[in-house]
Amino acid sequence: MMLAADYRLTQPELFRQDVLAGLSMPRKTLPCRWLYDERGSELFEQITHLTEYYPTRVETGILRSNANDIAGFIGKGASLIEYGAGAGIKTEILIAALEAPRLYVPVDISGDFLDQAVISLRHRFPTLRIWPIVADFTEDFEIPAGIPMRARSAFFPGSTVGNLDHAETTSFLRRLHRHVGARGTAVIGADLTRDRRILLAA
């Protein structure tokens, strides 16, 4: 006999559940996590290099110009937790500016893509400990107990927070606060209100 607490939905069952729930709503929606398998993650990285897709280019410039100030805000010996880490291009800018970072914890839904990003970052920062976590950051998950609680900092670049509705944003920020603790810090990227034509082109 299988107890309810032991039951886990398979990926196709989860997808079916999300499709039925999302398309049954007055405003149709599907969770973006289904876009980010290995191939989806690769395609998104290609999209970020298009002229029309301004967020990555603009935010990278902001990070480069303000890396030292951001690093000062985060503090020395940080354990940096990044949600939706992707290829970690912007992360390299921040890690390079940090003073004696203790640990980097990339969180991403695509395990294969995350593995590739970790290999690249280990070449770039050979002395930095990296502890990858395969998880959907829009759902509840725990940070492993082995990751020190002291000096945790959350990094959530990009404008992804703008893709979440109010309830999802609230849940995510509460989860982030739990992960970093009352004395932790967070650096969150958010886009400004844009002209519809710019958004459609992007």
N, C-alpha and C. Protein backbone atom coordinates (compact mmCIF):
# COMPACT_ATOMS: atom_id res chain seq x y z
N MET A 1 0.84 -1.19 0.00
CA MET A 1 0.00 0.00 0.00
C MET A 1 0.89 1.25 0.00
N MET A 2 0.53 2.24 -0.81
CA MET A 2 1.29 3.49 -0.86
C MET A 2 0.59 4.53 -0.01
N LEU A 3 1.31 5.10 0.93
CA LEU A 3 0.75 6.15 1.77
C LEU A 3 0.75 7.46 1.01
N ALA A 4 -0.20 8.32 1.31
CA ALA A 4 -0.32 9.61 0.62
C ALA A 4 0.95 10.43 0.74
N ALA A 5 1.60 10.37 1.89
CA ALA A 5 2.81 11.16 2.13
C ALA A 5 3.96 10.73 1.23
N ASP A 6 3.90 9.46 0.72
CA ASP A 6 4.98 8.94 -0.10
C ASP A 6 4.73 9.15 -1.60
N TYR A 7 3.56 9.66 -1.94
CA TYR A 7 3.16 9.75 -3.34
C TYR A 7 3.84 10.93 -4.02
N ARG A 8 4.41 10.68 -5.19
CA ARG A 8 5.02 11.74 -5.98
C ARG A 8 4.47 11.68 -7.40
N LEU A 9 4.05 12.82 -7.93
CA LEU A 9 3.57 12.87 -9.30
C LEU A 9 4.75 12.76 -10.26
N THR A 10 4.54 12.05 -11.38
CA THR A 10 5.57 11.99 -12.41
C THR A 10 5.56 13.31 -13.18
N GLN A 11 6.61 13.54 -13.97
CA GLN A 11 6.69 14.78 -14.75
C GLN A 11 5.50 14.94 -15.71
N PRO A 12 5.12 13.88 -16.47
CA PRO A 12 3.94 14.04 -17.34
C PRO A 12 2.66 14.34 -16.55
N GLU A 13 2.51 13.74 -15.37
CA GLU A 13 1.33 14.01 -14.55
C GLU A 13 1.33 15.44 -14.03
N LEU A 14 2.51 15.92 -13.62
CA LEU A 14 2.63 17.31 -13.17
C LEU A 14 2.30 18.28 -14.30
N PHE A 15 2.81 17.97 -15.51
CA PHE A 15 2.56 18.82 -16.67
C PHE A 15 1.06 18.85 -16.98
N ARG A 16 0.42 17.68 -16.98
CA ARG A 16 -1.02 17.60 -17.25
C ARG A 16 -1.80 18.42 -16.22
N GLN A 17 -1.40 18.31 -14.97
CA GLN A 17 -2.07 19.04 -13.89
C GLN A 17 -1.95 20.56 -14.09
N ASP A 18 -0.75 20.99 -14.45
CA ASP A 18 -0.52 22.42 -14.66
C ASP A 18 -1.28 22.94 -15.88
N VAL A 19 -1.32 22.14 -16.95
CA VAL A 19 -2.04 22.55 -18.16
C VAL A 19 -3.54 22.69 -17.89
N LEU A 20 -4.10 21.69 -17.23
CA LEU A 20 -5.54 21.73 -16.93
C LEU A 20 -5.88 22.90 -16.02
N ALA A 21 -5.04 23.12 -15.01
CA ALA A 21 -5.30 24.22 -14.07
C ALA A 21 -5.14 25.57 -14.76
N GLY A 22 -4.06 25.72 -15.54
CA GLY A 22 -3.77 27.00 -16.17
C GLY A 22 -4.74 27.39 -17.26
N LEU A 23 -5.16 26.42 -18.06
CA LEU A 23 -6.07 26.72 -19.16
C LEU A 23 -7.53 26.76 -18.71
N SER A 24 -7.79 26.39 -17.48
CA SER A 24 -9.15 26.49 -16.92
C SER A 24 -9.41 27.87 -16.31
N MET A 25 -8.36 28.67 -16.18
CA MET A 25 -8.50 29.98 -15.57
C MET A 25 -9.01 30.99 -16.59
N PRO A 26 -9.71 32.04 -16.14
CA PRO A 26 -10.19 33.08 -17.06
C PRO A 26 -9.04 33.70 -17.85
N ARG A 27 -7.92 33.95 -17.17
CA ARG A 27 -6.72 34.44 -17.84
C ARG A 27 -5.77 33.26 -17.97
N LYS A 28 -5.66 32.72 -19.18
CA LYS A 28 -4.91 31.49 -19.40
C LYS A 28 -3.42 31.66 -19.05
N THR A 29 -2.86 30.64 -18.42
CA THR A 29 -1.45 30.71 -18.03
C THR A 29 -0.86 29.32 -17.92
N LEU A 30 0.45 29.24 -18.13
CA LEU A 30 1.19 27.99 -17.93
C LEU A 30 2.47 28.34 -17.17
N PRO A 31 2.86 27.54 -16.19
CA PRO A 31 4.09 27.81 -15.43
C PRO A 31 5.31 27.82 -16.35
N CYS A 32 6.15 28.85 -16.21
CA CYS A 32 7.31 28.96 -17.09
C CYS A 32 8.33 27.86 -16.87
N ARG A 33 8.22 27.10 -15.75
CA ARG A 33 9.20 26.04 -15.50
C ARG A 33 9.24 25.00 -16.61
N TRP A 34 8.13 24.85 -17.36
CA TRP A 34 8.09 23.84 -18.41
C TRP A 34 8.89 24.26 -19.64
N LEU A 35 9.36 25.50 -19.68
CA LEU A 35 10.21 25.95 -20.79
C LEU A 35 11.68 25.63 -20.56
N TYR A 36 12.04 25.35 -19.30
CA TYR A 36 13.46 25.32 -18.95
C TYR A 36 14.04 23.93 -18.73
N ASP A 37 13.86 23.05 -19.72
CA ASP A 37 14.67 21.84 -19.75
C ASP A 37 16.02 22.25 -20.34
N GLU A 38 16.88 21.32 -20.62
CA GLU A 38 18.21 21.68 -21.12
C GLU A 38 18.13 22.49 -22.40
N ARG A 39 17.30 22.03 -23.37
CA ARG A 39 17.19 22.73 -24.65
C ARG A 39 16.54 24.10 -24.47
N GLY A 40 15.52 24.17 -23.62
CA GLY A 40 14.86 25.44 -23.36
C GLY A 40 15.80 26.46 -22.75
N SER A 41 16.64 25.99 -21.83
CA SER A 41 17.62 26.88 -21.20
C SER A 41 18.64 27.38 -22.22
N GLU A 42 19.07 26.49 -23.12
CA GLU A 42 20.01 26.90 -24.17
C GLU A 42 19.39 27.96 -25.08
N LEU A 43 18.11 27.76 -25.46
CA LEU A 43 17.42 28.72 -26.33
C LEU A 43 17.28 30.08 -25.65
N PHE A 44 16.97 30.05 -24.34
CA PHE A 44 16.82 31.31 -23.63
C PHE A 44 18.14 32.08 -23.61
N GLU A 45 19.26 31.38 -23.40
CA GLU A 45 20.56 32.06 -23.40
C GLU A 45 20.83 32.69 -24.76
N GLN A 46 20.39 32.03 -25.84
CA GLN A 46 20.55 32.61 -27.18
C GLN A 46 19.68 33.85 -27.34
N ILE A 47 18.47 33.80 -26.79
CA ILE A 47 17.56 34.95 -26.86
C ILE A 47 18.17 36.17 -26.18
N THR A 48 18.86 35.95 -25.07
CA THR A 48 19.42 37.08 -24.32
C THR A 48 20.48 37.85 -25.11
N HIS A 49 20.98 37.27 -26.19
CA HIS A 49 21.99 37.94 -27.01
C HIS A 49 21.37 38.73 -28.17
N LEU A 50 20.06 38.62 -28.35
CA LEU A 50 19.40 39.36 -29.43
C LEU A 50 19.36 40.85 -29.10
N THR A 51 19.43 41.67 -30.14
CA THR A 51 19.38 43.13 -29.97
C THR A 51 18.10 43.55 -29.26
N GLU A 52 16.98 42.90 -29.60
CA GLU A 52 15.69 43.29 -29.02
C GLU A 52 15.58 42.97 -27.54
N TYR A 53 16.35 41.98 -27.09
CA TYR A 53 16.23 41.55 -25.69
C TYR A 53 17.18 42.38 -24.83
N TYR A 54 16.67 43.51 -24.37
CA TYR A 54 17.49 44.48 -23.64
C TYR A 54 17.80 44.12 -22.19
N PRO A 55 16.94 43.34 -21.45
CA PRO A 55 17.16 43.20 -20.01
C PRO A 55 18.55 42.70 -19.60
N THR A 56 19.03 41.64 -20.26
CA THR A 56 20.33 41.08 -19.89
C THR A 56 21.45 42.08 -20.14
N ARG A 57 21.41 42.73 -21.29
CA ARG A 57 22.45 43.69 -21.65
C ARG A 57 22.47 44.88 -20.67
N VAL A 58 21.29 45.41 -20.37
CA VAL A 58 21.21 46.58 -19.49
C VAL A 58 21.62 46.21 -18.06
N GLU A 59 21.12 45.08 -17.57
CA GLU A 59 21.43 44.70 -16.20
C GLU A 59 22.91 44.35 -16.03
N THR A 60 23.49 43.73 -17.04
CA THR A 60 24.92 43.43 -17.00
C THR A 60 25.73 44.72 -16.86
N GLY A 61 25.31 45.74 -17.60
CA GLY A 61 25.98 47.04 -17.50
C GLY A 61 25.83 47.65 -16.11
N ILE A 62 24.64 47.53 -15.52
CA ILE A 62 24.40 48.04 -14.17
C ILE A 62 25.28 47.31 -13.16
N LEU A 63 25.37 45.99 -13.30
CA LEU A 63 26.20 45.20 -12.39
C LEU A 63 27.68 45.58 -12.51
N ARG A 64 28.16 45.74 -13.73
CA ARG A 64 29.56 46.10 -13.93
C ARG A 64 29.86 47.46 -13.29
N SER A 65 28.94 48.41 -13.45
CA SER A 65 29.16 49.77 -12.93
C SER A 65 29.05 49.83 -11.41
N ASN A 66 28.29 48.91 -10.82
CA ASN A 66 28.02 48.99 -9.38
C ASN A 66 28.48 47.77 -8.59
N ALA A 67 29.33 46.95 -9.21
CA ALA A 67 29.73 45.68 -8.59
C ALA A 67 30.35 45.87 -7.21
N ASN A 68 31.21 46.86 -7.07
CA ASN A 68 31.88 47.06 -5.78
C ASN A 68 30.91 47.50 -4.69
N ASP A 69 29.96 48.37 -5.04
CA ASP A 69 28.95 48.80 -4.07
C ASP A 69 28.06 47.64 -3.65
N ILE A 70 27.67 46.81 -4.63
CA ILE A 70 26.82 45.65 -4.32
C ILE A 70 27.58 44.66 -3.45
N ALA A 71 28.86 44.44 -3.78
CA ALA A 71 29.69 43.53 -2.98
C ALA A 71 29.85 44.05 -1.56
N GLY A 72 29.99 45.35 -1.41
CA GLY A 72 30.08 45.94 -0.09
C GLY A 72 28.82 45.75 0.72
N PHE A 73 27.67 45.85 0.04
CA PHE A 73 26.38 45.62 0.69
C PHE A 73 26.25 44.17 1.16
N ILE A 74 26.68 43.24 0.33
CA ILE A 74 26.59 41.81 0.68
C ILE A 74 27.56 41.46 1.81
N GLY A 75 28.76 42.00 1.75
CA GLY A 75 29.72 41.79 2.83
C GLY A 75 30.71 40.66 2.56
N LYS A 76 31.65 40.56 3.47
CA LYS A 76 32.74 39.58 3.35
C LYS A 76 32.29 38.17 3.72
N GLY A 77 32.87 37.18 3.04
CA GLY A 77 32.63 35.78 3.38
C GLY A 77 31.22 35.30 3.13
N ALA A 78 30.58 35.81 2.09
CA ALA A 78 29.17 35.48 1.83
C ALA A 78 28.98 34.10 1.22
N SER A 79 27.84 33.51 1.54
CA SER A 79 27.34 32.33 0.83
C SER A 79 26.25 32.84 -0.09
N LEU A 80 26.55 32.89 -1.39
CA LEU A 80 25.66 33.50 -2.38
C LEU A 80 24.71 32.46 -2.96
N ILE A 81 23.41 32.67 -2.77
CA ILE A 81 22.38 31.78 -3.31
C ILE A 81 21.72 32.47 -4.49
N GLU A 82 21.83 31.87 -5.67
CA GLU A 82 21.23 32.47 -6.86
C GLU A 82 20.05 31.64 -7.35
N TYR A 83 18.91 32.28 -7.49
CA TYR A 83 17.68 31.62 -7.94
C TYR A 83 17.55 31.76 -9.46
N GLY A 84 17.33 30.61 -10.14
CA GLY A 84 17.26 30.63 -11.60
C GLY A 84 18.60 31.00 -12.19
N ALA A 85 19.65 30.28 -11.78
CA ALA A 85 21.03 30.68 -12.08
C ALA A 85 21.35 30.73 -13.57
N GLY A 86 20.78 29.83 -14.37
CA GLY A 86 21.08 29.83 -15.79
C GLY A 86 22.56 29.62 -16.05
N ALA A 87 23.10 30.37 -17.02
CA ALA A 87 24.50 30.20 -17.41
C ALA A 87 25.46 30.92 -16.46
N GLY A 88 24.94 31.77 -15.59
CA GLY A 88 25.77 32.42 -14.59
C GLY A 88 26.67 33.52 -15.11
N ILE A 89 26.30 34.14 -16.24
CA ILE A 89 27.14 35.19 -16.83
C ILE A 89 27.21 36.41 -15.92
N LYS A 90 26.03 36.87 -15.45
CA LYS A 90 26.00 38.03 -14.55
C LYS A 90 26.59 37.67 -13.19
N THR A 91 26.47 36.42 -12.83
CA THR A 91 26.99 35.96 -11.54
C THR A 91 28.50 36.15 -11.45
N GLU A 92 29.19 35.89 -12.57
CA GLU A 92 30.64 36.03 -12.59
C GLU A 92 31.07 37.44 -12.19
N ILE A 93 30.32 38.44 -12.65
CA ILE A 93 30.65 39.83 -12.33
C ILE A 93 30.58 40.04 -10.83
N LEU A 94 29.51 39.54 -10.21
CA LEU A 94 29.32 39.74 -8.77
C LEU A 94 30.34 38.94 -7.96
N ILE A 95 30.54 37.68 -8.30
CA ILE A 95 31.49 36.84 -7.55
C ILE A 95 32.90 37.44 -7.60
N ALA A 96 33.29 37.95 -8.77
CA ALA A 96 34.62 38.54 -8.91
C ALA A 96 34.80 39.76 -8.01
N ALA A 97 33.69 40.46 -7.71
CA ALA A 97 33.76 41.66 -6.88
C ALA A 97 33.67 41.36 -5.39
N LEU A 98 33.14 40.19 -5.01
CA LEU A 98 32.95 39.86 -3.60
C LEU A 98 34.28 39.66 -2.87
N GLU A 99 34.29 40.00 -1.59
CA GLU A 99 35.47 39.80 -0.77
C GLU A 99 35.41 38.43 -0.10
N ALA A 100 36.33 37.55 -0.49
CA ALA A 100 36.45 36.21 0.10
C ALA A 100 35.11 35.48 0.20
N PRO A 101 34.39 35.32 -0.92
CA PRO A 101 33.12 34.59 -0.85
C PRO A 101 33.34 33.16 -0.37
N ARG A 102 32.44 32.69 0.50
CA ARG A 102 32.59 31.37 1.11
C ARG A 102 32.04 30.27 0.21
N LEU A 103 30.93 30.57 -0.44
CA LEU A 103 30.21 29.51 -1.14
C LEU A 103 29.27 30.12 -2.17
N TYR A 104 29.10 29.42 -3.31
CA TYR A 104 28.11 29.83 -4.31
C TYR A 104 27.11 28.69 -4.46
N VAL A 105 25.82 29.02 -4.33
CA VAL A 105 24.75 28.03 -4.38
C VAL A 105 23.80 28.37 -5.53
N PRO A 106 24.06 27.85 -6.74
CA PRO A 106 23.16 28.12 -7.86
C PRO A 106 21.94 27.19 -7.81
N VAL A 107 20.76 27.76 -7.97
CA VAL A 107 19.51 26.99 -7.96
C VAL A 107 18.88 27.10 -9.35
N ASP A 108 18.61 25.96 -9.98
CA ASP A 108 18.01 26.00 -11.31
C ASP A 108 17.20 24.72 -11.53
N ILE A 109 16.16 24.83 -12.34
CA ILE A 109 15.27 23.70 -12.59
C ILE A 109 15.88 22.69 -13.56
N SER A 110 16.80 23.16 -14.41
CA SER A 110 17.43 22.28 -15.40
C SER A 110 18.75 21.75 -14.88
N GLY A 111 18.77 20.49 -14.46
CA GLY A 111 19.97 19.89 -13.90
C GLY A 111 21.12 19.82 -14.88
N ASP A 112 20.85 19.44 -16.14
CA ASP A 112 21.90 19.31 -17.14
C ASP A 112 22.53 20.67 -17.43
N PHE A 113 21.70 21.68 -17.60
CA PHE A 113 22.21 23.02 -17.89
C PHE A 113 22.98 23.56 -16.70
N LEU A 114 22.50 23.26 -15.50
CA LEU A 114 23.17 23.70 -14.27
C LEU A 114 24.55 23.08 -14.17
N ASP A 115 24.67 21.80 -14.53
CA ASP A 115 25.97 21.12 -14.49
C ASP A 115 26.99 21.83 -15.38
N GLN A 116 26.55 22.24 -16.58
CA GLN A 116 27.45 22.92 -17.51
C GLN A 116 27.90 24.27 -16.95
N ALA A 117 26.96 25.00 -16.34
CA ALA A 117 27.28 26.31 -15.76
C ALA A 117 28.27 26.17 -14.61
N VAL A 118 28.09 25.13 -13.79
CA VAL A 118 28.98 24.90 -12.65
C VAL A 118 30.40 24.58 -13.13
N ILE A 119 30.53 23.77 -14.16
CA ILE A 119 31.84 23.45 -14.72
C ILE A 119 32.55 24.73 -15.16
N SER A 120 31.82 25.61 -15.84
CA SER A 120 32.39 26.86 -16.32
C SER A 120 32.83 27.75 -15.15
N LEU A 121 31.99 27.85 -14.13
CA LEU A 121 32.32 28.70 -12.98
C LEU A 121 33.48 28.14 -12.17
N ARG A 122 33.61 26.83 -12.12
CA ARG A 122 34.73 26.23 -11.38
C ARG A 122 36.05 26.51 -12.08
N HIS A 123 36.03 26.61 -13.41
CA HIS A 123 37.23 27.00 -14.15
C HIS A 123 37.57 28.46 -13.87
N ARG A 124 36.54 29.29 -13.79
CA ARG A 124 36.74 30.73 -13.58
C ARG A 124 37.14 31.04 -12.14
N PHE A 125 36.57 30.30 -11.18
CA PHE A 125 36.86 30.53 -9.76
C PHE A 125 37.24 29.20 -9.10
N PRO A 126 38.45 28.72 -9.32
CA PRO A 126 38.85 27.38 -8.85
C PRO A 126 38.85 27.20 -7.33
N THR A 127 38.97 28.28 -6.57
CA THR A 127 39.01 28.15 -5.11
C THR A 127 37.64 28.31 -4.45
N LEU A 128 36.63 28.66 -5.24
CA LEU A 128 35.29 28.88 -4.70
C LEU A 128 34.52 27.57 -4.59
N ARG A 129 33.97 27.29 -3.42
CA ARG A 129 33.10 26.12 -3.26
C ARG A 129 31.76 26.40 -3.94
N ILE A 130 31.29 25.42 -4.71
CA ILE A 130 30.00 25.57 -5.40
C ILE A 130 29.13 24.39 -5.03
N TRP A 131 27.89 24.69 -4.61
CA TRP A 131 26.95 23.65 -4.17
C TRP A 131 25.65 23.83 -4.97
N PRO A 132 25.54 23.19 -6.15
CA PRO A 132 24.34 23.38 -6.98
C PRO A 132 23.11 22.67 -6.40
N ILE A 133 21.95 23.27 -6.61
CA ILE A 133 20.68 22.69 -6.18
C ILE A 133 19.73 22.67 -7.37
N VAL A 134 19.25 21.49 -7.75
CA VAL A 134 18.25 21.37 -8.82
C VAL A 134 16.88 21.50 -8.18
N ALA A 135 16.22 22.62 -8.47
CA ALA A 135 14.90 22.88 -7.88
C ALA A 135 14.20 23.96 -8.68
N ASP A 136 12.88 23.98 -8.58
CA ASP A 136 12.06 25.04 -9.15
C ASP A 136 11.91 26.10 -8.06
N PHE A 137 12.52 27.26 -8.27
CA PHE A 137 12.52 28.27 -7.20
C PHE A 137 11.14 28.88 -6.96
N THR A 138 10.18 28.62 -7.87
CA THR A 138 8.82 29.12 -7.65
C THR A 138 8.03 28.18 -6.73
N GLU A 139 8.61 27.03 -6.42
CA GLU A 139 7.99 26.09 -5.50
C GLU A 139 8.84 26.02 -4.23
N ASP A 140 8.24 25.51 -3.15
CA ASP A 140 8.96 25.44 -1.88
C ASP A 140 10.08 24.40 -1.95
N PHE A 141 11.25 24.74 -1.46
CA PHE A 141 12.36 23.80 -1.34
C PHE A 141 13.25 24.29 -0.21
N GLU A 142 14.08 23.40 0.31
CA GLU A 142 14.93 23.74 1.44
C GLU A 142 16.39 23.88 1.00
N ILE A 143 17.10 24.75 1.67
CA ILE A 143 18.55 24.85 1.49
C ILE A 143 19.19 23.78 2.38
N PRO A 144 20.10 22.94 1.85
CA PRO A 144 20.71 21.87 2.65
C PRO A 144 21.34 22.40 3.95
N ALA A 145 21.23 21.61 5.00
CA ALA A 145 21.72 22.01 6.33
C ALA A 145 23.22 22.26 6.33
N GLY A 146 23.95 21.63 5.41
CA GLY A 146 25.40 21.80 5.37
C GLY A 146 25.86 23.17 4.91
N ILE A 147 24.95 23.96 4.33
CA ILE A 147 25.30 25.30 3.88
C ILE A 147 25.17 26.26 5.05
N PRO A 148 26.26 26.93 5.45
CA PRO A 148 26.22 27.77 6.65
C PRO A 148 25.17 28.87 6.56
N MET A 149 24.50 29.11 7.69
CA MET A 149 23.46 30.13 7.73
C MET A 149 24.06 31.53 7.78
N ARG A 150 25.23 31.64 8.35
CA ARG A 150 25.85 32.95 8.51
C ARG A 150 26.21 33.57 7.15
N ALA A 151 25.92 34.85 7.00
CA ALA A 151 26.30 35.65 5.82
C ALA A 151 25.72 35.10 4.51
N ARG A 152 24.49 34.60 4.56
CA ARG A 152 23.85 34.19 3.32
C ARG A 152 23.31 35.41 2.58
N SER A 153 23.42 35.38 1.26
CA SER A 153 22.88 36.46 0.45
C SER A 153 22.19 35.87 -0.77
N ALA A 154 20.99 36.37 -1.06
CA ALA A 154 20.22 35.90 -2.21
C ALA A 154 20.51 36.81 -3.41
N PHE A 155 20.65 36.19 -4.57
CA PHE A 155 20.88 36.93 -5.81
C PHE A 155 19.82 36.48 -6.81
N PHE A 156 19.00 37.42 -7.26
CA PHE A 156 17.91 37.12 -8.20
C PHE A 156 17.90 38.18 -9.29
N PRO A 157 18.88 38.09 -10.22
CA PRO A 157 18.97 39.09 -11.28
C PRO A 157 17.92 38.86 -12.36
N GLY A 158 17.96 39.71 -13.38
CA GLY A 158 16.96 39.61 -14.44
C GLY A 158 15.67 40.27 -13.99
N SER A 159 14.65 40.15 -14.82
CA SER A 159 13.35 40.76 -14.48
C SER A 159 12.31 39.68 -14.22
N THR A 160 12.77 38.49 -13.83
CA THR A 160 11.87 37.35 -13.64
C THR A 160 10.79 37.64 -12.61
N VAL A 161 11.12 38.43 -11.60
CA VAL A 161 10.12 38.73 -10.56
C VAL A 161 8.90 39.40 -11.18
N GLY A 162 9.08 40.09 -12.30
CA GLY A 162 7.96 40.74 -12.99
C GLY A 162 7.05 39.76 -13.71
N ASN A 163 7.52 38.51 -13.88
CA ASN A 163 6.69 37.48 -14.53
C ASN A 163 5.79 36.76 -13.54
N LEU A 164 5.99 36.99 -12.24
CA LEU A 164 5.21 36.32 -11.21
C LEU A 164 4.01 37.17 -10.83
N ASP A 165 2.89 36.53 -10.52
CA ASP A 165 1.74 37.30 -10.04
C ASP A 165 1.96 37.64 -8.57
N HIS A 166 1.00 38.37 -7.99
CA HIS A 166 1.18 38.87 -6.63
C HIS A 166 1.39 37.73 -5.63
N ALA A 167 0.58 36.68 -5.73
CA ALA A 167 0.68 35.56 -4.80
C ALA A 167 2.02 34.84 -4.95
N GLU A 168 2.46 34.64 -6.21
CA GLU A 168 3.73 33.97 -6.45
C GLU A 168 4.91 34.81 -5.95
N THR A 169 4.83 36.13 -6.16
CA THR A 169 5.90 37.02 -5.69
C THR A 169 5.99 36.98 -4.17
N THR A 170 4.83 37.06 -3.50
CA THR A 170 4.80 37.03 -2.05
C THR A 170 5.40 35.73 -1.52
N SER A 171 4.99 34.59 -2.10
CA SER A 171 5.51 33.29 -1.68
C SER A 171 7.01 33.19 -1.90
N PHE A 172 7.46 33.67 -3.06
CA PHE A 172 8.89 33.60 -3.37
C PHE A 172 9.71 34.43 -2.39
N LEU A 173 9.27 35.67 -2.11
CA LEU A 173 10.03 36.54 -1.21
C LEU A 173 10.05 35.99 0.21
N ARG A 174 8.96 35.37 0.63
CA ARG A 174 8.95 34.73 1.96
C ARG A 174 9.92 33.56 2.00
N ARG A 175 9.95 32.79 0.92
CA ARG A 175 10.88 31.66 0.84
C ARG A 175 12.32 32.16 0.85
N LEU A 176 12.59 33.21 0.08
CA LEU A 176 13.92 33.80 0.04
C LEU A 176 14.34 34.28 1.43
N HIS A 177 13.43 34.94 2.14
CA HIS A 177 13.73 35.43 3.49
C HIS A 177 14.07 34.27 4.43
N ARG A 178 13.33 33.18 4.29
CA ARG A 178 13.59 32.00 5.12
C ARG A 178 14.96 31.42 4.79
N HIS A 179 15.33 31.42 3.54
CA HIS A 179 16.61 30.86 3.12
C HIS A 179 17.80 31.65 3.63
N VAL A 180 17.71 32.98 3.61
CA VAL A 180 18.87 33.79 4.00
C VAL A 180 18.84 34.17 5.47
N GLY A 181 17.67 34.10 6.11
CA GLY A 181 17.57 34.43 7.52
C GLY A 181 17.40 35.92 7.76
N ALA A 182 17.11 36.25 9.00
CA ALA A 182 16.82 37.64 9.37
C ALA A 182 18.01 38.58 9.14
N ARG A 183 19.22 38.04 9.18
CA ARG A 183 20.41 38.87 9.01
C ARG A 183 21.01 38.74 7.61
N GLY A 184 20.32 38.04 6.73
CA GLY A 184 20.82 37.88 5.37
C GLY A 184 20.54 39.09 4.51
N THR A 185 21.06 39.07 3.30
CA THR A 185 20.85 40.17 2.36
C THR A 185 20.28 39.61 1.05
N ALA A 186 19.79 40.51 0.20
CA ALA A 186 19.26 40.09 -1.09
C ALA A 186 19.48 41.19 -2.12
N VAL A 187 19.85 40.76 -3.33
CA VAL A 187 19.97 41.66 -4.48
C VAL A 187 19.01 41.13 -5.53
N ILE A 188 17.99 41.93 -5.84
CA ILE A 188 16.92 41.49 -6.74
C ILE A 188 16.80 42.45 -7.92
N GLY A 189 16.79 41.90 -9.12
CA GLY A 189 16.63 42.71 -10.33
C GLY A 189 15.15 42.86 -10.67
N ALA A 190 14.79 44.04 -11.15
CA ALA A 190 13.40 44.29 -11.58
C ALA A 190 13.41 45.30 -12.72
N ASP A 191 12.59 45.07 -13.71
CA ASP A 191 12.51 45.99 -14.84
C ASP A 191 11.54 47.13 -14.52
N LEU A 192 11.72 48.24 -15.22
CA LEU A 192 10.79 49.36 -15.11
C LEU A 192 9.60 49.13 -16.03
N THR A 193 8.60 49.96 -15.93
CA THR A 193 7.45 49.88 -16.85
C THR A 193 7.93 50.26 -18.25
N ARG A 194 7.59 49.42 -19.22
CA ARG A 194 8.09 49.63 -20.58
C ARG A 194 6.95 49.83 -21.57
N ASP A 195 7.30 50.46 -22.67
CA ASP A 195 6.36 50.59 -23.78
C ASP A 195 6.03 49.19 -24.31
N ARG A 196 4.78 48.97 -24.63
CA ARG A 196 4.32 47.65 -25.09
C ARG A 196 5.12 47.15 -26.29
N ARG A 197 5.47 48.06 -27.18
CA ARG A 197 6.20 47.65 -28.40
C ARG A 197 7.59 47.10 -28.05
N ILE A 198 8.24 47.71 -27.06
CA ILE A 198 9.56 47.25 -26.63
C ILE A 198 9.47 45.85 -26.04
N LEU A 199 8.44 45.65 -25.21
CA LEU A 199 8.26 44.34 -24.57
C LEU A 199 7.95 43.26 -25.61
N LEU A 200 7.09 43.56 -26.57
CA LEU A 200 6.74 42.58 -27.60
C LEU A 200 7.95 42.22 -28.45
N ALA A 201 8.77 43.22 -28.77
CA ALA A 201 9.99 42.94 -29.55
C ALA A 201 10.94 42.05 -28.76
N ALA A 202 11.07 42.33 -27.45
CA ALA A 202 11.95 41.53 -26.61
C ALA A 202 11.45 40.10 -26.49
